[in-house]
Amino acid sequence: MEVRINGKPETVPDRSSVNAVLAIRELDPALVSVEHNGKILERSDLDTTILAAGDELEILFFMGGGRA
C-alpha cells in the first residue's frame, strides 16, 4: 500500500503500524517524533496506529548542536 513519508510516496505492507514502518527503516522510536496525518503521536500510540493507503507520516529526527 502507498503512503507518504516525509513528503515522498513509499510502499509499505498492508495494515502496518507506525512502529513497524520505523523498524523497516531501522529507526529507534526513542530517537524520533512521528506526525501522522498532521497529528503528533505519543510513543505509546506507535504500535497501535495502523496505516491506511494515502496516510502521511512525517518522521522528525532529534538533532544536537548550536553554539557552545
Foldseek 3Di string as FASTA:
>chain_A
DWEAEQRHIDDDDAFDFQVNVCVVVPHDLVFWWKDKQRRTDDSVCRRVHTDDHHIYMYIGGDDDDDDD
